[in-house]
């Protein structure tokens, strides 16, 4: 899921 990927990215600090 793209939303899950976005949450994952935010967790890494990409801040999508």
C-alpha atoms as a PDB file:
ATOM      1  CA  UNK A   1       0.000   0.000   0.000  1.00  0.00           C
ATOM      2  CA  UNK A   2       1.313   3.487  -0.971  1.00  0.00           C
ATOM      3  CA  UNK A   3       0.004   4.891   2.325  1.00  0.00           C
ATOM      4  CA  UNK A   4       2.024   2.339   4.232  1.00  0.00           C
ATOM      5  CA  UNK A   5       5.067   3.260   2.171  1.00  0.00           C
ATOM      6  CA  UNK A   6       4.475   6.914   2.991  1.00  0.00           C
ATOM      7  CA  UNK A   7       4.310   6.118   6.707  1.00  0.00           C
ATOM      8  CA  UNK A   8       7.495   4.066   6.350  1.00  0.00           C
ATOM      9  CA  UNK A   9       9.241   6.915   4.528  1.00  0.00           C
ATOM     10  CA  UNK A  10       8.146   9.372   7.210  1.00  0.00           C
ATOM     11  CA  UNK A  11       9.548   7.006   9.822  1.00  0.00           C
ATOM     12  CA  UNK A  12      12.866   7.058   7.992  1.00  0.00           C
ATOM     13  CA  UNK A  13      12.686  10.854   7.855  1.00  0.00           C
ATOM     14  CA  UNK A  14      11.899  11.444   4.179  1.00  0.00           C
ATOM     15  CA  UNK A  15       8.842  13.449   5.192  1.00  0.00           C
ATOM     16  CA  UNK A  16       6.662  12.724   2.175  1.00  0.00           C
END
